[in-house]
Structure formats: structure tokens, C-alpha cells
PDB file of N, CA and C in Angstrom:
ATOM      1  N   MET A   1     -15.986 282.586 144.667  1.00  0.00           N
ATOM      2  CA  MET A   1     -14.794 283.478 144.415  1.00  0.00           C
ATOM      3  C   MET A   1     -14.186 282.863 143.269  1.00  0.00           C
ATOM      4  N   VAL A   2     -13.449 281.642 143.444  1.00  0.00           N
ATOM      5  CA  VAL A   2     -12.724 280.908 142.577  1.00  0.00           C
ATOM      6  C   VAL A   2     -13.496 280.084 141.987  1.00  0.00           C
ATOM      7  N   GLN A   3     -13.438 279.867 140.731  1.00  0.00           N
ATOM      8  CA  GLN A   3     -14.363 278.923 140.205  1.00  0.00           C
ATOM      9  C   GLN A   3     -13.522 278.154 138.958  1.00  0.00           C
ATOM     10  N   ASN A   4     -13.995 276.863 138.534  1.00  0.00           N
ATOM     11  CA  ASN A   4     -13.197 276.239 137.444  1.00  0.00           C
ATOM     12  C   ASN A   4     -11.942 276.088 137.850  1.00  0.00           C
ATOM     13  N   ILE A   5     -11.505 275.448 138.875  1.00  0.00           N
ATOM     14  CA  ILE A   5     -10.138 274.992 139.351  1.00  0.00           C
ATOM     15  C   ILE A   5     -10.202 273.673 139.450  1.00  0.00           C
ATOM     16  N   ASN A   6      -9.281 273.070 138.702  1.00  0.00           N
ATOM     17  CA  ASN A   6      -9.138 271.633 138.875  1.00  0.00           C
ATOM     18  C   ASN A   6      -8.604 271.054 140.019  1.00  0.00           C
ATOM     19  N   PRO A   7      -9.547 270.191 140.922  1.00  0.00           N
ATOM     20  CA  PRO A   7      -8.996 269.759 142.167  1.00  0.00           C
ATOM     21  C   PRO A   7      -7.794 268.867 142.285  1.00  0.00           C
ATOM     22  N   SER A   8      -7.264 268.550 140.848  1.00  0.00           N
ATOM     23  CA  SER A   8      -5.934 267.981 141.145  1.00  0.00           C
ATOM     24  C   SER A   8      -4.603 269.117 141.165  1.00  0.00           C
ATOM     25  N   ARG A   9      -4.963 270.237 141.366  1.00  0.00           N
ATOM     26  CA  ARG A   9      -4.026 271.242 141.593  1.00  0.00           C
ATOM     27  C   ARG A   9      -3.843 271.385 143.109  1.00  0.00           C
ATOM     28  N   LEU A  10      -4.672 270.803 144.156  1.00  0.00           N
ATOM     29  CA  LEU A  10      -4.311 270.678 145.363  1.00  0.00           C
ATOM     30  C   LEU A  10      -3.425 269.530 145.794  1.00  0.00           C
ATOM     31  N   LYS A  11      -2.096 269.745 145.499  1.00  0.00           N
ATOM     32  CA  LYS A  11      -1.302 268.863 145.555  1.00  0.00           C
ATOM     33  C   LYS A  11      -0.350 269.200 147.114  1.00  0.00           C
ATOM     34  N   TYR A  12      -0.301 270.244 147.496  1.00  0.00           N
ATOM     35  CA  TYR A  12       0.347 270.551 148.703  1.00  0.00           C
ATOM     36  C   TYR A  12      -0.505 270.297 150.025  1.00  0.00           C
ATOM     37  N   ARG A  13       0.246 270.411 151.330  1.00  0.00           N
ATOM     38  CA  ARG A  13      -0.413 270.336 152.700  1.00  0.00           C
ATOM     39  C   ARG A  13       0.074 271.619 153.113  1.00  0.00           C
ATOM     40  N   VAL A  14      -0.790 272.552 153.895  1.00  0.00           N
ATOM     41  CA  VAL A  14      -0.955 273.503 154.381  1.00  0.00           C
ATOM     42  C   VAL A  14      -1.346 273.328 155.911  1.00  0.00           C
ATOM     43  N   SER A  15      -0.767 273.591 156.850  1.00  0.00           N
ATOM     44  CA  SER A  15      -1.192 273.526 158.162  1.00  0.00           C
ATOM     45  C   SER A  15      -1.564 275.095 158.843  1.00  0.00           C
ATOM     46  N   LEU A  16      -2.901 275.216 159.219  1.00  0.00           N
ATOM     47  CA  LEU A  16      -3.662 276.336 159.551  1.00  0.00           C
ATOM     48  C   LEU A  16      -3.390 276.285 161.225  1.00  0.00           C
ATOM     49  N   GLY A  17      -3.016 277.431 161.824  1.00  0.00           N
ATOM     50  CA  GLY A  17      -2.989 277.366 163.293  1.00  0.00           C
ATOM     51  C   GLY A  17      -3.145 278.930 163.819  1.00  0.00           C
ATOM     52  N   LYS A  18      -2.851 278.846 165.108  1.00  0.00           N
ATOM     53  CA  LYS A  18      -2.816 279.901 165.926  1.00  0.00           C
ATOM     54  C   LYS A  18      -1.496 280.095 166.851  1.00  0.00           C
ATOM     55  N   ALA A  19      -1.422 281.177 167.316  1.00  0.00           N
ATOM     56  CA  ALA A  19       0.007 281.182 168.308  1.00  0.00           C
ATOM     57  C   ALA A  19      -0.555 280.433 169.551  1.00  0.00           C
ATOM     58  N   GLY A  20       0.139 279.511 169.989  1.00  0.00           N
ATOM     59  CA  GLY A  20       0.214 278.709 171.417  1.00  0.00           C
ATOM     60  C   GLY A  20       1.405 279.079 172.188  1.00  0.00           C
ATOM     61  N   PHE A  21       1.447 278.121 173.172  1.00  0.00           N
ATOM     62  CA  PHE A  21       2.670 278.338 174.009  1.00  0.00           C
ATOM     63  C   PHE A  21       3.469 277.121 174.222  1.00  0.00           C
ATOM     64  N   VAL A  22       4.540 276.977 174.605  1.00  0.00           N
ATOM     65  CA  VAL A  22       5.192 275.660 174.576  1.00  0.00           C
ATOM     66  C   VAL A  22       6.234 275.898 175.789  1.00  0.00           C
ATOM     67  N   GLU A  23       6.378 274.990 176.629  1.00  0.00           N
ATOM     68  CA  GLU A  23       7.149 275.223 177.930  1.00  0.00           C
ATOM     69  C   GLU A  23       8.729 274.812 177.222  1.00  0.00           C
ATOM     70  N   THR A  24       9.826 275.535 177.781  1.00  0.00           N
ATOM     71  CA  THR A  24      11.087 275.531 177.469  1.00  0.00           C
ATOM     72  C   THR A  24      11.806 274.702 178.445  1.00  0.00           C
ATOM     73  N   PRO A  25      12.914 274.129 178.422  1.00  0.00           N
ATOM     74  CA  PRO A  25      13.581 273.631 179.440  1.00  0.00           C
ATOM     75  C   PRO A  25      13.859 274.355 180.746  1.00  0.00           C
ATOM     76  N   GLN A  26      13.724 275.564 180.569  1.00  0.00           N
ATOM     77  CA  GLN A  26      13.929 276.339 181.659  1.00  0.00           C
ATOM     78  C   GLN A  26      12.546 276.541 182.731  1.00  0.00           C
ATOM     79  N   GLY A  27      11.596 276.116 181.988  1.00  0.00           N
ATOM     80  CA  GLY A  27      10.435 276.105 182.643  1.00  0.00           C
ATOM     81  C   GLY A  27       9.541 277.385 182.450  1.00  0.00           C
ATOM     82  N   THR A  28      10.034 278.094 181.434  1.00  0.00           N
ATOM     83  CA  THR A  28       9.169 279.236 180.850  1.00  0.00           C
ATOM     84  C   THR A  28       8.298 278.789 179.614  1.00  0.00           C
ATOM     85  N   ASN A  29       7.231 279.812 179.251  1.00  0.00           N
ATOM     86  CA  ASN A  29       6.366 279.790 178.123  1.00  0.00           C
ATOM     87  C   ASN A  29       7.109 280.327 177.167  1.00  0.00           C
ATOM     88  N   ARG A  30       6.794 279.920 175.815  1.00  0.00           N
ATOM     89  CA  ARG A  30       7.381 280.538 174.681  1.00  0.00           C
ATOM     90  C   ARG A  30       6.371 280.646 173.543  1.00  0.00           C
ATOM     91  N   PRO A  31       6.032 281.653 172.922  1.00  0.00           N
ATOM     92  CA  PRO A  31       5.002 281.340 171.547  1.00  0.00           C
ATOM     93  C   PRO A  31       5.648 280.526 170.845  1.00  0.00           C
ATOM     94  N   ASP A  32       4.706 279.889 170.285  1.00  0.00           N
ATOM     95  CA  ASP A  32       4.816 278.800 169.233  1.00  0.00           C
ATOM     96  C   ASP A  32       3.370 278.401 168.224  1.00  0.00           C
ATOM     97  N   PHE A  33       3.847 277.772 167.122  1.00  0.00           N
ATOM     98  CA  PHE A  33       2.747 277.388 166.214  1.00  0.00           C
ATOM     99  C   PHE A  33       1.973 276.465 166.740  1.00  0.00           C
ATOM    100  N   GLU A  34       0.819 276.734 166.839  1.00  0.00           N
ATOM    101  CA  GLU A  34      -0.185 275.168 167.462  1.00  0.00           C
ATOM    102  C   GLU A  34      -1.424 275.252 166.308  1.00  0.00           C
ATOM    103  N   GLU A  35      -1.109 273.952 165.622  1.00  0.00           N
ATOM    104  CA  GLU A  35      -1.991 273.643 164.411  1.00  0.00           C
ATOM    105  C   GLU A  35      -3.615 273.265 164.625  1.00  0.00           C
ATOM    106  N   ILE A  36      -4.469 273.858 163.925  1.00  0.00           N
ATOM    107  CA  ILE A  36      -5.663 273.743 164.227  1.00  0.00           C
ATOM    108  C   ILE A  36      -6.195 272.634 163.270  1.00  0.00           C
ATOM    109  N   ARG A  37      -5.682 272.732 162.141  1.00  0.00           N
ATOM    110  CA  ARG A  37      -5.856 271.627 160.919  1.00  0.00           C
ATOM    111  C   ARG A  37      -5.200 271.888 159.643  1.00  0.00           C
ATOM    112  N   SER A  38      -5.040 270.786 159.394  1.00  0.00           N
ATOM    113  CA  SER A  38      -4.406 270.654 157.933  1.00  0.00           C
ATOM    114  C   SER A  38      -5.250 270.312 156.614  1.00  0.00           C
ATOM    115  N   LEU A  39      -4.940 271.076 155.613  1.00  0.00           N
ATOM    116  CA  LEU A  39      -5.595 271.022 154.592  1.00  0.00           C
ATOM    117  C   LEU A  39      -4.860 270.773 153.295  1.00  0.00           C
ATOM    118  N   TRP A  40      -5.335 270.187 152.317  1.00  0.00           N
ATOM    119  CA  TRP A  40      -4.926 270.323 150.938  1.00  0.00           C
ATOM    120  C   TRP A  40      -5.048 271.410 150.243  1.00  0.00           C
ATOM    121  N   CYS A  41      -3.679 271.995 149.693  1.00  0.00           N
ATOM    122  CA  CYS A  41      -3.868 273.423 149.084  1.00  0.00           C
ATOM    123  C   CYS A  41      -3.037 273.206 147.612  1.00  0.00           C
ATOM    124  N   GLY A  42      -3.324 274.315 146.824  1.00  0.00           N
ATOM    125  CA  GLY A  42      -2.362 274.436 145.647  1.00  0.00           C
ATOM    126  C   GLY A  42      -2.068 275.941 145.553  1.00  0.00           C
ATOM    127  N   ILE A  43      -1.091 276.384 145.014  1.00  0.00           N
ATOM    128  CA  ILE A  43      -0.458 277.518 144.880  1.00  0.00           C
ATOM    129  C   ILE A  43      -1.454 278.356 143.745  1.00  0.00           C
ATOM    130  N   TYR A  44      -2.003 279.812 144.321  1.00  0.00           N
ATOM    131  CA  TYR A  44      -2.690 280.438 143.032  1.00  0.00           C
ATOM    132  C   TYR A  44      -1.606 281.367 142.406  1.00  0.00           C
ATOM    133  N   THR A  45      -1.605 281.275 141.057  1.00  0.00           N
ATOM    134  CA  THR A  45      -1.124 282.509 140.183  1.00  0.00           C
ATOM    135  C   THR A  45      -1.687 283.600 139.943  1.00  0.00           C
ATOM    136  N   MET A  46      -1.773 284.972 140.108  1.00  0.00           N
ATOM    137  CA  MET A  46      -2.524 285.827 139.753  1.00  0.00           C
ATOM    138  C   MET A  46      -2.153 286.084 138.236  1.00  0.00           C
ATOM    139  N   SER A  47      -3.340 286.696 137.850  1.00  0.00           N
ATOM    140  CA  SER A  47      -3.338 287.469 136.248  1.00  0.00           C
ATOM    141  C   SER A  47      -2.169 288.811 136.386  1.00  0.00           C
ATOM    142  N   MET A  48      -2.036 289.082 135.312  1.00  0.00           N
ATOM    143  CA  MET A  48      -1.102 290.408 134.901  1.00  0.00           C
ATOM    144  C   MET A  48      -1.940 291.825 135.653  1.00  0.00           C
ATOM    145  N   THR A  49      -3.358 291.591 135.429  1.00  0.00           N
ATOM    146  CA  THR A  49      -4.055 292.774 135.825  1.00  0.00           C
ATOM    147  C   THR A  49      -4.304 292.657 137.294  1.00  0.00           C
ATOM    148  N   GLN A  50      -4.400 291.792 138.019  1.00  0.00           N
ATOM    149  CA  GLN A  50      -4.372 291.167 139.389  1.00  0.00           C
ATOM    150  C   GLN A  50      -3.310 291.986 140.017  1.00  0.00           C
ATOM    151  N   GLN A  51      -2.088 291.721 139.304  1.00  0.00           N
ATOM    152  CA  GLN A  51      -0.607 292.006 139.958  1.00  0.00           C
ATOM    153  C   GLN A  51      -0.484 293.645 139.952  1.00  0.00           C
ATOM    154  N   ILE A  52      -0.905 294.185 138.660  1.00  0.00           N
ATOM    155  CA  ILE A  52      -0.863 295.430 138.606  1.00  0.00           C
ATOM    156  C   ILE A  52      -1.825 296.420 139.542  1.00  0.00           C
ATOM    157  N   THR A  53      -3.072 295.795 139.764  1.00  0.00           N
ATOM    158  CA  THR A  53      -3.835 296.161 140.660  1.00  0.00           C
ATOM    159  C   THR A  53      -3.303 296.241 142.186  1.00  0.00           C
ATOM    160  N   LEU A  54      -2.746 295.181 142.534  1.00  0.00           N
ATOM    161  CA  LEU A  54      -2.078 295.071 143.751  1.00  0.00           C
ATOM    162  C   LEU A  54      -1.105 296.088 143.939  1.00  0.00           C
ATOM    163  N   LEU A  55      -0.073 296.425 143.244  1.00  0.00           N
ATOM    164  CA  LEU A  55       0.945 297.281 143.051  1.00  0.00           C
ATOM    165  C   LEU A  55       0.663 298.659 143.610  1.00  0.00           C
ATOM    166  N   GLY A  56      -0.548 299.220 144.008  1.00  0.00           N
ATOM    167  CA  GLY A  56      -0.896 300.114 144.395  1.00  0.00           C
ATOM    168  C   GLY A  56      -1.252 300.031 145.833  1.00  0.00           C
ATOM    169  N   SER A  57      -1.310 298.597 146.464  1.00  0.00           N
ATOM    170  CA  SER A  57      -2.208 298.332 147.506  1.00  0.00           C
ATOM    171  C   SER A  57      -0.860 298.403 148.695  1.00  0.00           C
ATOM    172  N   PRO A  58      -1.093 299.126 149.969  1.00  0.00           N
ATOM    173  CA  PRO A  58      -0.348 299.284 150.811  1.00  0.00           C
ATOM    174  C   PRO A  58       0.161 297.746 151.545  1.00  0.00           C
ATOM    175  N   ASN A  59      -0.802 296.875 151.334  1.00  0.00           N
ATOM    176  CA  ASN A  59      -0.629 295.525 151.987  1.00  0.00           C
ATOM    177  C   ASN A  59       0.349 294.837 151.055  1.00  0.00           C
ATOM    178  N   SER A  60       1.294 294.122 151.477  1.00  0.00           N
ATOM    179  CA  SER A  60       2.353 293.000 151.102  1.00  0.00           C
ATOM    180  C   SER A  60       1.718 291.607 151.245  1.00  0.00           C
ATOM    181  N   PHE A  61       2.107 290.979 150.396  1.00  0.00           N
ATOM    182  CA  PHE A  61       2.007 289.419 150.688  1.00  0.00           C
ATOM    183  C   PHE A  61       3.174 288.438 150.038  1.00  0.00           C
ATOM    184  N   ASP A  62       3.206 287.496 150.370  1.00  0.00           N
ATOM    185  CA  ASP A  62       4.162 286.430 149.695  1.00  0.00           C
ATOM    186  C   ASP A  62       3.531 285.433 148.865  1.00  0.00           C
ATOM    187  N   LEU A  63       2.508 284.962 149.394  1.00  0.00           N
ATOM    188  CA  LEU A  63       1.848 283.800 148.639  1.00  0.00           C
ATOM    189  C   LEU A  63       0.425 283.745 148.542  1.00  0.00           C
ATOM    190  N   VAL A  64      -0.273 283.356 147.847  1.00  0.00           N
ATOM    191  CA  VAL A  64      -1.552 282.985 147.467  1.00  0.00           C
ATOM    192  C   VAL A  64      -2.121 281.401 147.536  1.00  0.00           C
ATOM    193  N   LEU A  65      -2.579 280.749 148.130  1.00  0.00           N
ATOM    194  CA  LEU A  65      -3.164 279.424 148.121  1.00  0.00           C
ATOM    195  C   LEU A  65      -4.468 279.363 147.884  1.00  0.00           C
ATOM    196  N   ILE A  66      -4.852 278.055 147.262  1.00  0.00           N
ATOM    197  CA  ILE A  66      -6.079 277.798 146.965  1.00  0.00           C
ATOM    198  C   ILE A  66      -6.642 276.750 147.687  1.00  0.00           C
ATOM    199  N   ILE A  67      -7.658 276.610 148.899  1.00  0.00           N
ATOM    200  CA  ILE A  67      -8.076 275.844 149.778  1.00  0.00           C
ATOM    201  C   ILE A  67      -9.541 275.394 149.381  1.00  0.00           C
ATOM    202  N   ARG A  68      -9.874 274.188 149.491  1.00  0.00           N
ATOM    203  CA  ARG A  68     -10.903 273.748 149.637  1.00  0.00           C
ATOM    204  C   ARG A  68     -12.056 274.675 150.528  1.00  0.00           C
ATOM    205  N   HIS A  69     -13.394 275.195 149.967  1.00  0.00           N
ATOM    206  CA  HIS A  69     -14.196 276.130 150.556  1.00  0.00           C
ATOM    207  C   HIS A  69     -14.439 275.818 152.164  1.00  0.00           C
ATOM    208  N   GLN A  70     -14.173 276.398 153.069  1.00  0.00           N
ATOM    209  CA  GLN A  70     -14.217 275.874 154.670  1.00  0.00           C
ATOM    210  C   GLN A  70     -15.506 276.789 155.015  1.00  0.00           C
ATOM    211  N   SER A  71     -16.686 275.924 155.290  1.00  0.00           N
ATOM    212  CA  SER A  71     -18.045 276.415 155.408  1.00  0.00           C
ATOM    213  C   SER A  71     -18.065 277.077 156.910  1.00  0.00           C
ATOM    214  N   ASP A  72     -17.094 276.430 157.906  1.00  0.00           N
ATOM    215  CA  ASP A  72     -17.192 277.140 159.021  1.00  0.00           C
ATOM    216  C   ASP A  72     -16.190 278.349 158.985  1.00  0.00           C
ATOM    217  N   GLY A  73     -15.581 278.611 157.930  1.00  0.00           N
ATOM    218  CA  GLY A  73     -14.728 279.788 157.956  1.00  0.00           C
ATOM    219  C   GLY A  73     -13.206 279.516 158.469  1.00  0.00           C
ATOM    220  N   LEU A  74     -12.395 280.461 158.752  1.00  0.00           N
ATOM    221  CA  LEU A  74     -11.119 280.085 158.994  1.00  0.00           C
ATOM    222  C   LEU A  74     -11.002 280.745 160.786  1.00  0.00           C
ATOM    223  N   LYS A  75     -11.927 280.947 161.558  1.00  0.00           N
ATOM    224  CA  LYS A  75     -11.961 281.418 162.770  1.00  0.00           C
ATOM    225  C   LYS A  75     -10.832 281.109 163.420  1.00  0.00           C
ATOM    226  N   ASP A  76     -10.100 282.018 164.292  1.00  0.00           N
ATOM    227  CA  ASP A  76      -9.060 281.285 165.130  1.00  0.00           C
ATOM    228  C   ASP A  76      -7.835 281.205 164.429  1.00  0.00           C
ATOM    229  N   VAL A  77      -7.921 281.108 162.921  1.00  0.00           N
ATOM    230  CA  VAL A  77      -6.198 280.740 162.291  1.00  0.00           C
ATOM    231  C   VAL A  77      -5.859 282.089 162.096  1.00  0.00           C
ATOM    232  N   LYS A  78      -4.491 282.348 162.662  1.00  0.00           N
ATOM    233  CA  LYS A  78      -3.765 283.354 162.596  1.00  0.00           C
ATOM    234  C   LYS A  78      -2.605 283.226 161.869  1.00  0.00           C
ATOM    235  N   TYR A  79      -1.897 281.934 161.769  1.00  0.00           N
ATOM    236  CA  TYR A  79      -0.823 281.466 161.035  1.00  0.00           C
ATOM    237  C   TYR A  79      -1.010 280.380 160.103  1.00  0.00           C
ATOM    238  N   ALA A  80       0.112 280.164 159.120  1.00  0.00           N
ATOM    239  CA  ALA A  80      -0.047 278.718 158.289  1.00  0.00           C
ATOM    240  C   ALA A  80       1.573 278.515 158.191  1.00  0.00           C
ATOM    241  N   ARG A  81       1.600 277.006 158.020  1.00  0.00           N
ATOM    242  CA  ARG A  81       2.937 276.522 157.799  1.00  0.00           C
ATOM    243  C   ARG A  81       2.712 275.747 156.489  1.00  0.00           C
ATOM    244  N   PHE A  82       3.526 276.435 155.673  1.00  0.00           N
ATOM    245  CA  PHE A  82       3.717 275.833 154.185  1.00  0.00           C
ATOM    246  C   PHE A  82       5.076 275.272 153.983  1.00  0.00           C
ATOM    247  N   LYS A  83       5.408 274.195 153.463  1.00  0.00           N
ATOM    248  CA  LYS A  83       6.742 273.976 152.711  1.00  0.00           C
ATOM    249  C   LYS A  83       7.693 274.098 154.164  1.00  0.00           C
ATOM    250  N   ASP A  84       7.559 274.150 155.280  1.00  0.00           N
ATOM    251  CA  ASP A  84       8.234 274.069 156.444  1.00  0.00           C
ATOM    252  C   ASP A  84       9.039 275.645 156.683  1.00  0.00           C
ATOM    253  N   GLN A  85       7.790 276.699 156.231  1.00  0.00           N
ATOM    254  CA  GLN A  85       8.080 278.179 156.170  1.00  0.00           C
ATOM    255  C   GLN A  85       6.840 278.551 157.098  1.00  0.00           C
ATOM    256  N   LEU A  86       6.991 279.507 158.068  1.00  0.00           N
ATOM    257  CA  LEU A  86       5.776 279.998 158.658  1.00  0.00           C
ATOM    258  C   LEU A  86       5.322 281.274 157.984  1.00  0.00           C
ATOM    259  N   TYR A  87       3.924 281.384 157.770  1.00  0.00           N
ATOM    260  CA  TYR A  87       3.418 282.660 157.431  1.00  0.00           C
ATOM    261  C   TYR A  87       2.314 283.435 158.208  1.00  0.00           C
ATOM    262  N   GLN A  88       2.048 284.417 158.190  1.00  0.00           N
ATOM    263  CA  GLN A  88       0.837 284.740 158.883  1.00  0.00           C
ATOM    264  C   GLN A  88      -0.349 285.361 157.699  1.00  0.00           C
ATOM    265  N   LEU A  89      -1.454 284.840 158.361  1.00  0.00           N
ATOM    266  CA  LEU A  89      -2.826 285.046 157.702  1.00  0.00           C
ATOM    267  C   LEU A  89      -2.864 286.662 157.315  1.00  0.00           C
ATOM    268  N   ALA A  90      -2.756 287.072 155.788  1.00  0.00           N
ATOM    269  CA  ALA A  90      -2.806 288.393 155.866  1.00  0.00           C
ATOM    270  C   ALA A  90      -4.405 288.728 155.179  1.00  0.00           C
ATOM    271  N   GLY A  91      -5.030 287.732 154.758  1.00  0.00           N
ATOM    272  CA  GLY A  91      -6.314 287.940 154.304  1.00  0.00           C
ATOM    273  C   GLY A  91      -6.942 286.520 153.629  1.00  0.00           C
ATOM    274  N   SER A  92      -8.385 286.418 153.610  1.00  0.00           N
ATOM    275  CA  SER A  92      -8.859 285.442 152.865  1.00  0.00           C
ATOM    276  C   SER A  92     -10.091 285.864 151.940  1.00  0.00           C
ATOM    277  N   SER A  93     -10.283 285.102 151.096  1.00  0.00           N
ATOM    278  CA  SER A  93     -11.385 285.513 150.039  1.00  0.00           C
ATOM    279  C   SER A  93     -12.221 284.347 149.918  1.00  0.00           C
ATOM    280  N   PRO A  94     -13.397 283.945 151.188  1.00  0.00           N
ATOM    281  CA  PRO A  94     -13.983 282.929 150.995  1.00  0.00           C
ATOM    282  C   PRO A  94     -15.427 282.940 149.612  1.00  0.00           C
ATOM    283  N   ASP A  95     -15.561 281.752 149.185  1.00  0.00           N
ATOM    284  CA  ASP A  95     -16.607 281.612 148.095  1.00  0.00           C
ATOM    285  C   ASP A  95     -17.786 281.242 148.918  1.00  0.00           C
ATOM    286  N   PHE A  96     -18.563 282.217 148.697  1.00  0.00           N
ATOM    287  CA  PHE A  96     -19.997 282.095 149.476  1.00  0.00           C
ATOM    288  C   PHE A  96     -20.827 281.137 148.779  1.00  0.00           C
ATOM    289  N   ASP A  97     -20.616 280.409 147.543  1.00  0.00           N
ATOM    290  CA  ASP A  97     -21.217 279.546 147.220  1.00  0.00           C
ATOM    291  C   ASP A  97     -20.685 278.209 147.519  1.00  0.00           C
ATOM    292  N   ASP A  98     -21.811 277.554 148.581  1.00  0.00           N
ATOM    293  CA  ASP A  98     -21.250 276.328 149.177  1.00  0.00           C
ATOM    294  C   ASP A  98     -21.389 275.301 148.667  1.00  0.00           C
ATOM    295  N   SER A  99     -20.590 275.021 147.364  1.00  0.00           N
ATOM    296  CA  SER A  99     -21.038 273.931 146.533  1.00  0.00           C
ATOM    297  C   SER A  99     -19.631 273.151 146.845  1.00  0.00           C
ATOM    298  N   PRO A 100     -19.514 271.760 146.111  1.00  0.00           N
ATOM    299  CA  PRO A 100     -18.388 270.729 145.926  1.00  0.00           C
ATOM    300  C   PRO A 100     -17.716 271.532 145.089  1.00  0.00           C
ATOM    301  N   ARG A 101     -17.504 272.115 144.364  1.00  0.00           N
ATOM    302  CA  ARG A 101     -16.785 272.911 143.409  1.00  0.00           C
ATOM    303  C   ARG A 101     -16.285 274.322 143.861  1.00  0.00           C
ATOM    304  N   SER A 102     -16.296 274.793 145.377  1.00  0.00           N
ATOM    305  CA  SER A 102     -16.032 275.920 145.933  1.00  0.00           C
ATOM    306  C   SER A 102     -14.752 275.824 146.545  1.00  0.00           C
ATOM    307  N   PHE A 103     -14.088 276.981 146.181  1.00  0.00           N
ATOM    308  CA  PHE A 103     -12.680 277.057 146.752  1.00  0.00           C
ATOM    309  C   PHE A 103     -12.609 278.530 147.336  1.00  0.00           C
ATOM    310  N   ASP A 104     -11.828 278.558 148.366  1.00  0.00           N
ATOM    311  CA  ASP A 104     -11.171 279.774 149.074  1.00  0.00           C
ATOM    312  C   ASP A 104      -9.609 280.167 148.826  1.00  0.00           C
ATOM    313  N   LEU A 105      -9.310 281.471 148.550  1.00  0.00           N
ATOM    314  CA  LEU A 105      -8.150 281.817 148.578  1.00  0.00           C
ATOM    315  C   LEU A 105      -7.639 282.141 150.008  1.00  0.00           C
ATOM    316  N   ILE A 106      -6.341 282.014 150.212  1.00  0.00           N
ATOM    317  CA  ILE A 106      -5.829 282.618 151.586  1.00  0.00           C
ATOM    318  C   ILE A 106      -4.543 283.519 151.170  1.00  0.00           C
ATOM    319  N   THR A 107      -4.319 284.272 151.570  1.00  0.00           N
ATOM    320  CA  THR A 107      -3.200 285.265 151.437  1.00  0.00           C
ATOM    321  C   THR A 107      -2.313 285.142 152.337  1.00  0.00           C
ATOM    322  N   LEU A 108      -0.776 284.954 152.136  1.00  0.00           N
ATOM    323  CA  LEU A 108       0.106 284.556 153.385  1.00  0.00           C
ATOM    324  C   LEU A 108       1.219 285.539 153.223  1.00  0.00           C
ATOM    325  N   LYS A 109       1.743 285.884 154.478  1.00  0.00           N
ATOM    326  CA  LYS A 109       2.795 286.830 154.486  1.00  0.00           C
ATOM    327  C   LYS A 109       3.960 286.091 155.322  1.00  0.00           C
ATOM    328  N   LYS A 110       5.150 285.912 154.583  1.00  0.00           N
ATOM    329  CA  LYS A 110       6.129 285.535 155.495  1.00  0.00           C
ATOM    330  C   LYS A 110       6.663 286.101 156.974  1.00  0.00           C
ATOM    331  N   VAL A 111       6.528 285.562 157.758  1.00  0.00           N
ATOM    332  CA  VAL A 111       7.262 286.125 159.153  1.00  0.00           C
ATOM    333  C   VAL A 111       8.123 285.026 159.718  1.00  0.00           C
ATOM    334  N   ASP A 112       8.892 285.516 160.747  1.00  0.00           N
ATOM    335  CA  ASP A 112      10.074 284.952 161.404  1.00  0.00           C
ATOM    336  C   ASP A 112       9.888 284.187 162.515  1.00  0.00           C
ATOM    337  N   LYS A 113       8.891 284.929 163.188  1.00  0.00           N
ATOM    338  CA  LYS A 113       8.466 284.235 164.280  1.00  0.00           C
ATOM    339  C   LYS A 113       7.092 284.277 164.908  1.00  0.00           C
ATOM    340  N   ILE A 114       6.688 283.821 165.961  1.00  0.00           N
ATOM    341  CA  ILE A 114       4.952 284.247 166.318  1.00  0.00           C
ATOM    342  C   ILE A 114       4.865 285.064 167.340  1.00  0.00           C
ATOM    343  N   GLY A 115       4.175 286.050 167.217  1.00  0.00           N
ATOM    344  CA  GLY A 115       3.756 287.160 168.160  1.00  0.00           C
ATOM    345  C   GLY A 115       2.328 286.867 168.637  1.00  0.00           C
ATOM    346  N   ILE A 116       2.133 287.090 169.614  1.00  0.00           N
ATOM    347  CA  ILE A 116       0.645 287.020 170.613  1.00  0.00           C
ATOM    348  C   ILE A 116       0.071 288.148 170.105  1.00  0.00           C
ATOM    349  N   SER A 117      -1.174 288.147 169.497  1.00  0.00           N
ATOM    350  CA  SER A 117      -1.975 289.193 169.359  1.00  0.00           C
ATOM    351  C   SER A 117      -3.202 289.179 169.891  1.00  0.00           C
TER     352      SER A 117
END
């Protein structure tokens, strides 16, 4: 999907995870972010043509990140924490060419709290 990306652009960390449970001091469980893995990432900026194309899309998103290609995919990943902000995974565009220069795009939408789905 994404070719010719300079690996030096991957200068941020993103934590990918799912909804888990944390026990409160009262002894009840509340949903919270449970990290599955942490990856190096970069912020992907779309071209003007891509932005105009998405204007008609009913899906909205807040951020697109580039990550190294994940050969096992992003199974079980529903949420991401980036720069101390929680996001829901709105979509991913994996690169089907499994080469060392392959990158995936993940699309994130800002959320306030985790819901169990």
C-alpha cells in the first residue's frame, strides 16, 4: 500500500490494544485500555486529492499513522494510545507485499473512554 517511505519518519510510539478490565478500589471492574503491543510509527499526511475524496465519506477520523507492516495483521486490536490520547481503530490498510520496506496505514478516531464491544 505505502511505498517509498523513509523509515526515519517512524519517530513516535503508538500502543495498540483492546478493551480490558481494571478492578477499582470498590472491588468492581471498569473497562480500560489493555496494551497488546507497542510500535514505532509516523504521522501520515494525505494529499489534497485524498482529502477531497474523503469529504464525501460518512466515516470520520482524526489521525492516520504509518507503521511497519504487521504480517500477523492487527487482530484483536480495537484501540490505540498515541501521545497520551486514546483512539479507536477506524480502519487499516495493510500492505500485502511482505517485504522489509512494507508499511501499513492505520486510521484512528479520537474517543473519550473505552466501551466493550
